[in-house]
Amino acid sequence: MSDHKLQAGQPGEYYLLRPDVTRGGKGLGVEFVNEDRLRTPPRLILRPEGGGFPPMHETPILQYVPKLGHAPEDMEDGMSGYWLVSDRLKQVFQSVDPSGFEFVECEYRLPDGSEGPRYHLCDVVRTLDALDESASRLTVEHSDEFPEGKFYNLLGGASLRFRKDVVDDSHVFILPYSGDLVICDRALRDAVIAAGMGVEGRSRGVWLTDAADI
């Protein structure tokens, strides 16, 4: 098989999928009410080291507190290791790649204690060692201080290429050696945008960056 057939990641083909941290302000004004009761000691966050969700004996409870920051948009970060996603974004993710994500529905409360819109904790549960390092432009750091001895440093710009034989028909995956960087393909990106999210100026919390031009 030729290198051309093995490589994926031309401009517009793969994207970094992240919460939008460019909005400014105080940040997210949501408190995780029962996080302590859900965590599994000695973990300091709810998400297990290997990802996914631990057994839960009660529903995660989230409270919006306006003085702390803004109300959640369609995608937020910092929920004890998970994304917080709206019901409509969850539906987009599931429609494109149902096996790539796991979700746990939350009890989301408004400032007056009433029930708010449906929100879910979200985790990407597929990891693919799919980066073609020789065809990509980035800094690969090697040190015993990194998990598995290696780290992909994208600071200063990067251009990522992926191996088609590894990616196969996956639409979303975590890239190892990257600090759990999430990569999605054009199909998932287009579905997010078609649903009214992920566009500069009206991101609704979803930030998409072309992986070939970071």
Protein backbone atom coordinates (compact mmCIF):
# COMPACT_ATOMS: atom_id res chain seq x y z
CA MET A 1 0.00 0.00 0.00
CA SER A 2 1.41 3.42 -0.93
CA ASP A 3 2.12 6.23 1.53
CA HIS A 4 -0.64 8.27 -0.12
CA LYS A 5 -3.21 5.64 0.79
CA LEU A 6 -1.89 5.34 4.33
CA GLN A 7 -1.93 9.03 5.18
CA ALA A 8 -4.91 11.13 6.20
CA GLY A 9 -4.97 14.71 7.39
CA GLN A 10 -4.90 17.02 4.41
CA PRO A 11 -6.30 20.51 5.09
CA GLY A 12 -9.97 20.33 6.01
CA GLU A 13 -9.95 16.59 6.74
CA TYR A 14 -9.29 16.37 10.51
CA TYR A 15 -9.89 18.82 13.35
CA LEU A 16 -9.00 19.41 16.98
CA LEU A 17 -12.28 19.28 18.91
CA ARG A 18 -12.19 21.36 22.11
CA PRO A 19 -14.34 23.57 24.31
CA ASP A 20 -14.08 27.25 23.33
CA VAL A 21 -11.83 28.97 25.86
CA THR A 22 -11.67 32.27 23.94
CA ARG A 23 -14.92 33.71 25.30
CA GLY A 24 -13.36 35.59 28.22
CA GLY A 25 -15.21 36.70 31.33
CA LYS A 26 -15.31 34.83 34.63
CA GLY A 27 -15.73 31.44 33.03
CA LEU A 28 -18.32 28.77 33.68
CA GLY A 29 -20.64 29.48 36.60
CA VAL A 30 -21.62 25.90 37.37
CA GLU A 31 -20.92 24.09 40.64
CA PHE A 32 -20.66 20.29 40.81
CA VAL A 33 -22.80 19.75 43.89
CA ASN A 34 -22.17 16.08 44.67
CA GLU A 35 -18.74 15.51 43.12
CA ASP A 36 -17.25 14.33 46.43
CA ARG A 37 -19.87 11.62 46.79
CA LEU A 38 -19.24 10.32 43.25
CA ARG A 39 -15.43 10.27 43.21
CA THR A 40 -13.54 7.03 43.82
CA PRO A 41 -10.66 7.62 46.31
CA PRO A 42 -7.80 8.25 45.93
CA ARG A 43 -8.82 9.96 42.64
CA LEU A 44 -9.13 13.74 42.98
CA ILE A 45 -11.50 13.94 40.00
CA LEU A 46 -14.40 11.77 38.93
CA ARG A 47 -12.92 10.54 35.64
CA PRO A 48 -10.89 7.34 36.07
CA GLU A 49 -7.29 7.36 34.87
CA GLY A 50 -8.23 5.11 31.94
CA GLY A 51 -11.24 7.22 30.93
CA GLY A 52 -14.92 6.38 30.78
CA PHE A 53 -17.20 6.59 33.80
CA PRO A 54 -16.93 4.89 37.19
CA PRO A 55 -19.98 3.21 38.75
CA MET A 56 -22.33 5.92 40.06
CA HIS A 57 -24.85 5.43 42.85
CA GLU A 58 -26.53 8.77 42.26
CA THR A 59 -27.08 11.26 39.44
CA PRO A 60 -24.47 14.03 39.06
CA ILE A 61 -26.00 17.29 40.29
CA LEU A 62 -24.91 20.62 38.79
CA GLN A 63 -26.02 24.06 39.99
CA TYR A 64 -25.80 27.28 37.97
CA VAL A 65 -24.55 30.16 40.14
CA PRO A 66 -24.57 33.41 38.09
CA LYS A 67 -22.11 35.27 40.35
CA LEU A 68 -19.48 32.63 39.51
CA GLY A 69 -19.72 33.03 35.73
CA HIS A 70 -21.77 32.36 32.62
CA ALA A 71 -24.42 29.71 32.08
CA PRO A 72 -23.28 26.61 30.21
CA GLU A 73 -23.35 26.69 26.44
CA ASP A 74 -23.39 23.54 24.31
CA MET A 75 -19.90 22.44 25.35
CA GLU A 76 -17.91 23.25 28.47
CA ASP A 77 -14.75 21.91 30.10
CA GLY A 78 -13.68 21.32 33.67
CA MET A 79 -16.35 18.99 35.02
CA SER A 80 -14.13 16.70 37.09
CA GLY A 81 -12.27 15.51 33.98
CA TYR A 82 -15.27 15.52 31.62
CA TRP A 83 -16.87 17.79 29.09
CA LEU A 84 -20.33 19.10 29.85
CA VAL A 85 -22.47 18.96 26.70
CA SER A 86 -26.01 19.97 25.85
CA ASP A 87 -28.61 17.49 24.76
CA ARG A 88 -28.45 18.70 21.15
CA LEU A 89 -24.66 18.29 20.98
CA LYS A 90 -24.97 14.83 22.52
CA GLN A 91 -27.43 13.93 19.75
CA VAL A 92 -24.97 15.13 17.09
CA PHE A 93 -22.11 13.12 18.60
CA GLN A 94 -24.24 9.98 18.86
CA SER A 95 -25.62 10.32 15.34
CA VAL A 96 -22.14 10.42 13.79
CA ASP A 97 -20.08 8.11 16.05
CA PRO A 98 -22.14 6.42 18.80
CA SER A 99 -19.29 4.17 19.95
CA GLY A 100 -16.78 7.01 20.23
CA PHE A 101 -18.47 8.70 23.19
CA GLU A 102 -19.98 7.86 26.56
CA PHE A 103 -22.45 10.07 28.42
CA VAL A 104 -24.02 10.39 31.84
CA GLU A 105 -27.05 12.64 32.17
CA CYS A 106 -26.93 15.27 34.92
CA GLU A 107 -29.50 16.95 37.11
CA TYR A 108 -28.90 20.56 36.10
CA ARG A 109 -30.46 23.18 38.38
CA LEU A 110 -31.11 26.84 37.64
CA PRO A 111 -30.34 29.57 40.23
CA ASP A 112 -33.82 29.28 41.77
CA GLY A 113 -33.41 25.53 42.20
CA SER A 114 -35.73 24.61 39.35
CA GLU A 115 -34.81 22.06 36.69
CA GLY A 116 -32.82 23.45 33.77
CA PRO A 117 -32.13 22.17 30.24
CA ARG A 118 -30.77 18.67 29.84
CA TYR A 119 -26.97 18.40 30.14
CA HIS A 120 -24.63 15.43 30.11
CA LEU A 121 -21.12 14.62 31.22
CA CYS A 122 -19.27 13.44 28.11
CA ASP A 123 -16.09 11.45 27.54
CA VAL A 124 -14.36 10.38 24.34
CA VAL A 125 -13.65 6.68 24.87
CA ARG A 126 -11.66 5.75 21.77
CA THR A 127 -7.87 6.21 21.70
CA LEU A 128 -5.95 5.70 18.46
CA ASP A 129 -2.18 5.87 18.07
CA ALA A 130 -2.78 7.17 14.57
CA LEU A 131 -0.34 10.06 14.13
CA ASP A 132 2.11 9.72 11.24
CA GLU A 133 5.03 11.40 12.98
CA SER A 134 7.29 11.41 9.92
CA ALA A 135 4.69 13.18 7.79
CA SER A 136 3.59 15.63 10.50
CA ARG A 137 5.16 18.89 11.63
CA LEU A 138 5.37 19.11 15.42
CA THR A 139 7.80 18.73 18.31
CA VAL A 140 8.03 15.21 19.73
CA GLU A 141 9.54 15.35 23.21
CA HIS A 142 11.02 12.29 24.89
CA SER A 143 11.45 12.11 28.66
CA ASP A 144 10.82 9.74 31.54
CA GLU A 145 8.69 12.51 33.04
CA PHE A 146 5.98 11.95 30.40
CA PRO A 147 3.49 9.06 30.52
CA GLU A 148 4.88 6.37 28.22
CA GLY A 149 7.99 8.54 27.76
CA LYS A 150 6.74 10.79 24.96
CA PHE A 151 4.75 14.00 24.44
CA TYR A 152 3.41 15.75 21.33
CA ASN A 153 4.12 19.47 21.75
CA LEU A 154 2.02 21.62 19.40
CA LEU A 155 3.21 24.99 20.73
CA GLY A 156 4.50 27.28 18.01
CA GLY A 157 2.29 25.65 15.39
CA ALA A 158 1.93 22.17 13.99
CA SER A 159 0.53 20.22 11.06
CA LEU A 160 -0.76 16.74 11.83
CA ARG A 161 -1.09 13.80 9.45
CA PHE A 162 -2.77 10.53 10.37
CA ARG A 163 -2.57 6.94 9.21
CA LYS A 164 -5.71 5.88 7.36
CA ASP A 165 -5.18 2.23 8.21
CA VAL A 166 -5.37 3.13 11.92
CA VAL A 167 -8.13 5.74 11.75
CA ASP A 168 -10.26 3.51 9.50
CA ASP A 169 -13.91 4.62 9.80
CA SER A 170 -13.58 6.31 13.20
CA HIS A 171 -14.98 9.86 13.38
CA VAL A 172 -13.50 10.82 16.76
CA PHE A 173 -10.58 9.67 18.90
CA ILE A 174 -8.13 10.72 21.58
CA LEU A 175 -4.57 11.14 20.33
CA PRO A 176 -2.10 9.56 22.79
CA TYR A 177 1.01 11.43 23.94
CA SER A 178 -0.94 14.69 23.58
CA GLY A 179 -2.60 15.27 26.93
CA ASP A 180 -5.86 13.68 25.75
CA LEU A 181 -6.21 15.89 22.66
CA VAL A 182 -9.42 14.98 20.81
CA ILE A 183 -9.40 14.65 17.02
CA CYS A 184 -12.54 14.52 14.89
CA ASP A 185 -13.03 14.12 11.16
CA ARG A 186 -14.81 16.33 8.63
CA ALA A 187 -18.08 14.40 8.96
CA LEU A 188 -18.38 15.12 12.67
CA ARG A 189 -17.22 18.71 12.23
CA ASP A 190 -19.80 19.33 9.52
CA ALA A 191 -22.57 17.80 11.63
CA VAL A 192 -21.69 20.08 14.57
CA ILE A 193 -21.73 23.17 12.34
CA ALA A 194 -24.99 22.12 10.67
CA ALA A 195 -26.55 21.99 14.15
CA GLY A 196 -25.57 25.63 14.79
CA MET A 197 -22.34 25.22 16.77
CA GLY A 198 -18.61 25.44 16.20
CA VAL A 199 -18.43 28.57 14.04
CA GLU A 200 -16.26 31.52 15.05
CA GLY A 201 -18.45 34.22 16.52
CA ARG A 202 -21.20 31.76 17.41
CA SER A 203 -19.29 28.76 18.67
CA ARG A 204 -21.78 27.94 21.41
CA GLY A 205 -18.79 26.59 23.30
CA VAL A 206 -17.44 24.28 20.56
CA TRP A 207 -14.02 25.10 19.08
CA LEU A 208 -12.77 23.36 15.92
CA THR A 209 -9.22 23.80 14.59
CA ASP A 210 -7.92 22.29 11.36
CA ALA A 211 -5.36 19.69 12.47
CA ALA A 212 -3.30 20.31 9.33
CA ASP A 213 -2.79 23.97 10.27
CA ILE A 214 -2.59 24.48 14.03
